[in-house]
PDB file of N, CA and C in Angstrom:
ATOM      1  N   MET A   1     -31.411 -42.082  13.361  1.00  0.00           N
ATOM      2  CA  MET A   1     -31.718 -42.783  14.568  1.00  0.00           C
ATOM      3  C   MET A   1     -33.225 -42.694  14.851  1.00  0.00           C
ATOM      4  N   VAL A   2     -33.816 -41.573  14.513  1.00  0.00           N
ATOM      5  CA  VAL A   2     -35.250 -41.406  14.739  1.00  0.00           C
ATOM      6  C   VAL A   2     -36.040 -42.402  13.905  1.00  0.00           C
ATOM      7  N   MET A   3     -35.588 -42.669  12.693  1.00  0.00           N
ATOM      8  CA  MET A   3     -36.301 -43.615  11.837  1.00  0.00           C
ATOM      9  C   MET A   3     -36.236 -45.026  12.422  1.00  0.00           C
ATOM     10  N   GLY A   4     -35.117 -45.376  13.022  1.00  0.00           N
ATOM     11  CA  GLY A   4     -35.004 -46.687  13.663  1.00  0.00           C
ATOM     12  C   GLY A   4     -35.941 -46.806  14.843  1.00  0.00           C
ATOM     13  N   ILE A   5     -36.043 -45.756  15.627  1.00  0.00           N
ATOM     14  CA  ILE A   5     -36.952 -45.769  16.774  1.00  0.00           C
ATOM     15  C   ILE A   5     -38.402 -45.827  16.300  1.00  0.00           C
ATOM     16  N   ALA A   6     -38.708 -45.138  15.221  1.00  0.00           N
ATOM     17  CA  ALA A   6     -40.066 -45.182  14.678  1.00  0.00           C
ATOM     18  C   ALA A   6     -40.411 -46.586  14.191  1.00  0.00           C
ATOM     19  N   ALA A   7     -39.435 -47.301  13.682  1.00  0.00           N
ATOM     20  CA  ALA A   7     -39.682 -48.672  13.228  1.00  0.00           C
ATOM     21  C   ALA A   7     -39.901 -49.598  14.416  1.00  0.00           C
ATOM     22  N   ILE A   8     -39.142 -49.395  15.474  1.00  0.00           N
ATOM     23  CA  ILE A   8     -39.258 -50.251  16.656  1.00  0.00           C
ATOM     24  C   ILE A   8     -40.550 -49.961  17.418  1.00  0.00           C
ATOM     25  N   ALA A   9     -41.106 -48.779  17.276  1.00  0.00           N
ATOM     26  CA  ALA A   9     -42.343 -48.427  17.972  1.00  0.00           C
ATOM     27  C   ALA A   9     -43.481 -49.377  17.619  1.00  0.00           C
ATOM     28  N   ALA A  10     -43.453 -49.960  16.456  1.00  0.00           N
ATOM     29  CA  ALA A  10     -44.503 -50.898  16.058  1.00  0.00           C
ATOM     30  C   ALA A  10     -44.443 -52.171  16.887  1.00  0.00           C
ATOM     31  N   TYR A  11     -43.302 -52.479  17.464  1.00  0.00           N
ATOM     32  CA  TYR A  11     -43.162 -53.690  18.280  1.00  0.00           C
ATOM     33  C   TYR A  11     -44.003 -53.600  19.547  1.00  0.00           C
ATOM     34  N   VAL A  12     -44.158 -52.414  20.087  1.00  0.00           N
ATOM     35  CA  VAL A  12     -44.945 -52.233  21.300  1.00  0.00           C
ATOM     36  C   VAL A  12     -46.350 -51.736  20.956  1.00  0.00           C
ATOM     37  N   LEU A  13     -46.807 -52.064  19.764  1.00  0.00           N
ATOM     38  CA  LEU A  13     -48.143 -51.752  19.269  1.00  0.00           C
ATOM     39  C   LEU A  13     -48.413 -50.265  19.147  1.00  0.00           C
ATOM     40  N   GLY A  14     -47.368 -49.494  19.005  1.00  0.00           N
ATOM     41  CA  GLY A  14     -47.531 -48.075  18.760  1.00  0.00           C
ATOM     42  C   GLY A  14     -47.594 -47.817  17.271  1.00  0.00           C
ATOM     43  N   PRO A  15     -47.987 -46.610  16.906  1.00  0.00           N
ATOM     44  CA  PRO A  15     -47.991 -46.305  15.476  1.00  0.00           C
ATOM     45  C   PRO A  15     -46.555 -46.130  15.003  1.00  0.00           C
ATOM     46  N   GLY A  16     -46.111 -46.986  14.166  1.00  0.00           N
ATOM     47  CA  GLY A  16     -44.735 -46.891  13.705  1.00  0.00           C
ATOM     48  C   GLY A  16     -44.579 -47.419  12.303  1.00  0.00           C
ATOM     49  N   LEU A  17     -43.437 -47.137  11.750  1.00  0.00           N
ATOM     50  CA  LEU A  17     -43.158 -47.567  10.386  1.00  0.00           C
ATOM     51  C   LEU A  17     -42.765 -49.036  10.303  1.00  0.00           C
ATOM     52  N   GLY A  18     -42.560 -49.660  11.426  1.00  0.00           N
ATOM     53  CA  GLY A  18     -42.133 -51.052  11.425  1.00  0.00           C
ATOM     54  C   GLY A  18     -43.272 -52.043  11.351  1.00  0.00           C
ATOM     55  N   GLY A  19     -44.484 -51.573  11.129  1.00  0.00           N
ATOM     56  CA  GLY A  19     -45.628 -52.476  11.055  1.00  0.00           C
ATOM     57  C   GLY A  19     -45.462 -53.541   9.983  1.00  0.00           C
ATOM     58  N   LEU A  20     -44.964 -53.142   8.821  1.00  0.00           N
ATOM     59  CA  LEU A  20     -44.734 -54.119   7.748  1.00  0.00           C
ATOM     60  C   LEU A  20     -43.645 -55.110   8.127  1.00  0.00           C
ATOM     61  N   ILE A  21     -42.624 -54.623   8.799  1.00  0.00           N
ATOM     62  CA  ILE A  21     -41.515 -55.503   9.178  1.00  0.00           C
ATOM     63  C   ILE A  21     -41.993 -56.548  10.176  1.00  0.00           C
ATOM     64  N   PHE A  22     -42.673 -56.104  11.218  1.00  0.00           N
ATOM     65  CA  PHE A  22     -43.088 -57.038  12.255  1.00  0.00           C
ATOM     66  C   PHE A  22     -44.220 -57.947  11.798  1.00  0.00           C
ATOM     67  N   SER A  23     -45.086 -57.475  10.920  1.00  0.00           N
ATOM     68  CA  SER A  23     -46.122 -58.378  10.398  1.00  0.00           C
ATOM     69  C   SER A  23     -45.494 -59.437   9.503  1.00  0.00           C
ATOM     70  N   GLY A  24     -44.473 -59.049   8.746  1.00  0.00           N
ATOM     71  CA  GLY A  24     -43.774 -60.032   7.924  1.00  0.00           C
ATOM     72  C   GLY A  24     -43.021 -61.046   8.763  1.00  0.00           C
ATOM     73  N   LEU A  25     -42.405 -60.584   9.844  1.00  0.00           N
ATOM     74  CA  LEU A  25     -41.681 -61.510  10.726  1.00  0.00           C
ATOM     75  C   LEU A  25     -42.630 -62.444  11.463  1.00  0.00           C
ATOM     76  N   SER A  26     -43.815 -61.967  11.788  1.00  0.00           N
ATOM     77  CA  SER A  26     -44.763 -62.834  12.497  1.00  0.00           C
ATOM     78  C   SER A  26     -45.329 -63.911  11.577  1.00  0.00           C
ATOM     79  N   ARG A  27     -45.340 -63.649  10.268  1.00  0.00           N
ATOM     80  CA  ARG A  27     -45.835 -64.629   9.302  1.00  0.00           C
ATOM     81  C   ARG A  27     -44.688 -65.372   8.625  1.00  0.00           C
ATOM     82  N   LEU A  28     -43.518 -65.411   9.250  1.00  0.00           N
ATOM     83  CA  LEU A  28     -42.337 -66.023   8.656  1.00  0.00           C
ATOM     84  C   LEU A  28     -42.629 -67.450   8.203  1.00  0.00           C
ATOM     85  N   GLY A  29     -42.308 -67.735   6.985  1.00  0.00           N
ATOM     86  CA  GLY A  29     -42.589 -69.035   6.395  1.00  0.00           C
ATOM     87  C   GLY A  29     -43.866 -69.033   5.578  1.00  0.00           C
ATOM     88  N   GLY A  30     -44.669 -68.006   5.726  1.00  0.00           N
ATOM     89  CA  GLY A  30     -45.926 -67.906   4.979  1.00  0.00           C
ATOM     90  C   GLY A  30     -45.726 -67.174   3.673  1.00  0.00           C
ATOM     91  N   ALA A  31     -46.816 -67.036   2.966  1.00  0.00           N
ATOM     92  CA  ALA A  31     -46.771 -66.352   1.674  1.00  0.00           C
ATOM     93  C   ALA A  31     -46.531 -64.866   1.873  1.00  0.00           C
ATOM     94  N   ASN A  32     -45.635 -64.317   1.111  1.00  0.00           N
ATOM     95  CA  ASN A  32     -45.312 -62.892   1.080  1.00  0.00           C
ATOM     96  C   ASN A  32     -44.730 -62.340   2.387  1.00  0.00           C
ATOM     97  N   ALA A  33     -44.289 -63.188   3.279  1.00  0.00           N
ATOM     98  CA  ALA A  33     -43.709 -62.707   4.535  1.00  0.00           C
ATOM     99  C   ALA A  33     -42.401 -61.978   4.264  1.00  0.00           C
ATOM    100  N   LEU A  34     -41.569 -62.552   3.432  1.00  0.00           N
ATOM    101  CA  LEU A  34     -40.284 -61.927   3.118  1.00  0.00           C
ATOM    102  C   LEU A  34     -40.492 -60.628   2.350  1.00  0.00           C
ATOM    103  N   ASN A  35     -41.449 -60.603   1.436  1.00  0.00           N
ATOM    104  CA  ASN A  35     -41.729 -59.379   0.677  1.00  0.00           C
ATOM    105  C   ASN A  35     -42.170 -58.249   1.590  1.00  0.00           C
ATOM    106  N   SER A  36     -43.029 -58.545   2.535  1.00  0.00           N
ATOM    107  CA  SER A  36     -43.518 -57.534   3.469  1.00  0.00           C
ATOM    108  C   SER A  36     -42.375 -56.979   4.308  1.00  0.00           C
ATOM    109  N   THR A  37     -41.512 -57.858   4.768  1.00  0.00           N
ATOM    110  CA  THR A  37     -40.380 -57.428   5.585  1.00  0.00           C
ATOM    111  C   THR A  37     -39.413 -56.574   4.781  1.00  0.00           C
ATOM    112  N   LEU A  38     -39.125 -56.976   3.565  1.00  0.00           N
ATOM    113  CA  LEU A  38     -38.202 -56.210   2.724  1.00  0.00           C
ATOM    114  C   LEU A  38     -38.770 -54.852   2.335  1.00  0.00           C
ATOM    115  N   VAL A  39     -40.048 -54.797   2.021  1.00  0.00           N
ATOM    116  CA  VAL A  39     -40.669 -53.518   1.660  1.00  0.00           C
ATOM    117  C   VAL A  39     -40.613 -52.556   2.835  1.00  0.00           C
ATOM    118  N   GLY A  40     -40.924 -53.035   4.023  1.00  0.00           N
ATOM    119  CA  GLY A  40     -40.858 -52.182   5.203  1.00  0.00           C
ATOM    120  C   GLY A  40     -39.453 -51.691   5.487  1.00  0.00           C
ATOM    121  N   THR A  41     -38.478 -52.563   5.368  1.00  0.00           N
ATOM    122  CA  THR A  41     -37.083 -52.197   5.631  1.00  0.00           C
ATOM    123  C   THR A  41     -36.576 -51.188   4.606  1.00  0.00           C
ATOM    124  N   ILE A  42     -36.832 -51.449   3.343  1.00  0.00           N
ATOM    125  CA  ILE A  42     -36.359 -50.548   2.289  1.00  0.00           C
ATOM    126  C   ILE A  42     -37.053 -49.188   2.383  1.00  0.00           C
ATOM    127  N   ALA A  43     -38.340 -49.183   2.721  1.00  0.00           N
ATOM    128  CA  ALA A  43     -39.054 -47.916   2.865  1.00  0.00           C
ATOM    129  C   ALA A  43     -38.466 -47.074   3.998  1.00  0.00           C
ATOM    130  N   ILE A  44     -38.123 -47.708   5.104  1.00  0.00           N
ATOM    131  CA  ILE A  44     -37.541 -46.979   6.234  1.00  0.00           C
ATOM    132  C   ILE A  44     -36.166 -46.435   5.868  1.00  0.00           C
ATOM    133  N   VAL A  45     -35.365 -47.226   5.183  1.00  0.00           N
ATOM    134  CA  VAL A  45     -34.027 -46.774   4.785  1.00  0.00           C
ATOM    135  C   VAL A  45     -34.127 -45.595   3.811  1.00  0.00           C
ATOM    136  N   LEU A  46     -35.007 -45.695   2.826  1.00  0.00           N
ATOM    137  CA  LEU A  46     -35.156 -44.603   1.854  1.00  0.00           C
ATOM    138  C   LEU A  46     -35.677 -43.332   2.520  1.00  0.00           C
ATOM    139  N   LEU A  47     -36.632 -43.474   3.414  1.00  0.00           N
ATOM    140  CA  LEU A  47     -37.155 -42.311   4.116  1.00  0.00           C
ATOM    141  C   LEU A  47     -36.084 -41.673   4.994  1.00  0.00           C
ATOM    142  N   ALA A  48     -35.260 -42.491   5.634  1.00  0.00           N
ATOM    143  CA  ALA A  48     -34.172 -41.954   6.449  1.00  0.00           C
ATOM    144  C   ALA A  48     -33.165 -41.201   5.586  1.00  0.00           C
ATOM    145  N   LEU A  49     -32.839 -41.714   4.409  1.00  0.00           N
ATOM    146  CA  LEU A  49     -31.899 -41.036   3.520  1.00  0.00           C
ATOM    147  C   LEU A  49     -32.460 -39.710   3.014  1.00  0.00           C
ATOM    148  N   VAL A  50     -33.730 -39.694   2.674  1.00  0.00           N
ATOM    149  CA  VAL A  50     -34.352 -38.454   2.197  1.00  0.00           C
ATOM    150  C   VAL A  50     -34.375 -37.405   3.310  1.00  0.00           C
ATOM    151  N   LEU A  51     -34.745 -37.802   4.515  1.00  0.00           N
ATOM    152  CA  LEU A  51     -34.766 -36.854   5.631  1.00  0.00           C
ATOM    153  C   LEU A  51     -33.362 -36.348   5.959  1.00  0.00           C
ATOM    154  N   ASP A  52     -32.361 -37.221   5.869  1.00  0.00           N
ATOM    155  CA  ASP A  52     -30.985 -36.787   6.112  1.00  0.00           C
ATOM    156  C   ASP A  52     -30.543 -35.779   5.056  1.00  0.00           C
ATOM    157  N   LEU A  53     -30.895 -36.024   3.811  1.00  0.00           N
ATOM    158  CA  LEU A  53     -30.557 -35.087   2.739  1.00  0.00           C
ATOM    159  C   LEU A  53     -31.215 -33.732   2.970  1.00  0.00           C
ATOM    160  N   LEU A  54     -32.472 -33.736   3.392  1.00  0.00           N
ATOM    161  CA  LEU A  54     -33.157 -32.478   3.679  1.00  0.00           C
ATOM    162  C   LEU A  54     -32.498 -31.719   4.829  1.00  0.00           C
ATOM    163  N   LEU A  55     -32.066 -32.439   5.856  1.00  0.00           N
ATOM    164  CA  LEU A  55     -31.397 -31.776   6.980  1.00  0.00           C
ATOM    165  C   LEU A  55     -30.040 -31.213   6.573  1.00  0.00           C
ATOM    166  N   VAL A  56     -29.313 -31.919   5.730  1.00  0.00           N
ATOM    167  CA  VAL A  56     -28.023 -31.410   5.250  1.00  0.00           C
ATOM    168  C   VAL A  56     -28.244 -30.153   4.408  1.00  0.00           C
ATOM    169  N   LEU A  57     -29.210 -30.180   3.518  1.00  0.00           N
ATOM    170  CA  LEU A  57     -29.492 -29.004   2.690  1.00  0.00           C
ATOM    171  C   LEU A  57     -29.949 -27.819   3.534  1.00  0.00           C
ATOM    172  N   THR A  58     -30.766 -28.071   4.535  1.00  0.00           N
ATOM    173  CA  THR A  58     -31.205 -26.996   5.415  1.00  0.00           C
ATOM    174  C   THR A  58     -30.022 -26.407   6.176  1.00  0.00           C
ATOM    175  N   GLY A  59     -29.125 -27.254   6.618  1.00  0.00           N
ATOM    176  CA  GLY A  59     -27.928 -26.773   7.310  1.00  0.00           C
ATOM    177  C   GLY A  59     -27.048 -25.919   6.418  1.00  0.00           C
ATOM    178  N   ARG A  60     -26.892 -26.333   5.175  1.00  0.00           N
ATOM    179  CA  ARG A  60     -26.066 -25.547   4.249  1.00  0.00           C
ATOM    180  C   ARG A  60     -26.707 -24.214   3.894  1.00  0.00           C
ATOM    181  N   LEU A  61     -28.029 -24.206   3.787  1.00  0.00           N
ATOM    182  CA  LEU A  61     -28.710 -22.963   3.433  1.00  0.00           C
ATOM    183  C   LEU A  61     -28.758 -21.974   4.598  1.00  0.00           C
ATOM    184  N   THR A  62     -28.737 -22.468   5.811  1.00  0.00           N
ATOM    185  CA  THR A  62     -28.852 -21.579   6.963  1.00  0.00           C
ATOM    186  C   THR A  62     -27.522 -21.236   7.616  1.00  0.00           C
ATOM    187  N   THR A  63     -26.430 -21.840   7.165  1.00  0.00           N
ATOM    188  CA  THR A  63     -25.102 -21.522   7.709  1.00  0.00           C
ATOM    189  C   THR A  63     -24.478 -20.396   6.885  1.00  0.00           C
ATOM    190  N   PRO A  64     -24.066 -19.341   7.536  1.00  0.00           N
ATOM    191  CA  PRO A  64     -23.425 -18.242   6.796  1.00  0.00           C
ATOM    192  C   PRO A  64     -22.173 -18.712   6.056  1.00  0.00           C
ATOM    193  N   ARG A  65     -21.895 -18.099   4.926  1.00  0.00           N
ATOM    194  CA  ARG A  65     -20.778 -18.504   4.079  1.00  0.00           C
ATOM    195  C   ARG A  65     -19.439 -18.404   4.809  1.00  0.00           C
ATOM    196  N   GLY A  66     -19.277 -17.437   5.681  1.00  0.00           N
ATOM    197  CA  GLY A  66     -18.006 -17.219   6.367  1.00  0.00           C
ATOM    198  C   GLY A  66     -17.616 -18.302   7.353  1.00  0.00           C
ATOM    199  N   ILE A  67     -18.591 -19.061   7.874  1.00  0.00           N
ATOM    200  CA  ILE A  67     -18.236 -20.088   8.861  1.00  0.00           C
ATOM    201  C   ILE A  67     -18.418 -21.514   8.336  1.00  0.00           C
ATOM    202  N   ARG A  68     -18.699 -21.669   7.049  1.00  0.00           N
ATOM    203  CA  ARG A  68     -18.782 -23.005   6.476  1.00  0.00           C
ATOM    204  C   ARG A  68     -17.401 -23.629   6.408  1.00  0.00           C
ATOM    205  N   VAL A  69     -17.354 -24.902   6.587  1.00  0.00           N
ATOM    206  CA  VAL A  69     -16.073 -25.629   6.522  1.00  0.00           C
ATOM    207  C   VAL A  69     -15.875 -26.190   5.156  1.00  0.00           C
TER     208      VAL A  69
END
């Protein structure tokens, strides 16, 4: 959810990961508009998956063996 909010932050001119997405959408119909939008979207999805994996691994490493499900 944090990655989605970080992407939307670019809409209000804040520093966010959605800069590529919104610049591509603003140039819709122009050269490389779709490429810019897709690169931004895929980068956000991959970063979200990597961060989720890190949080899962951290949870497994810090949870005692006796209370793991």
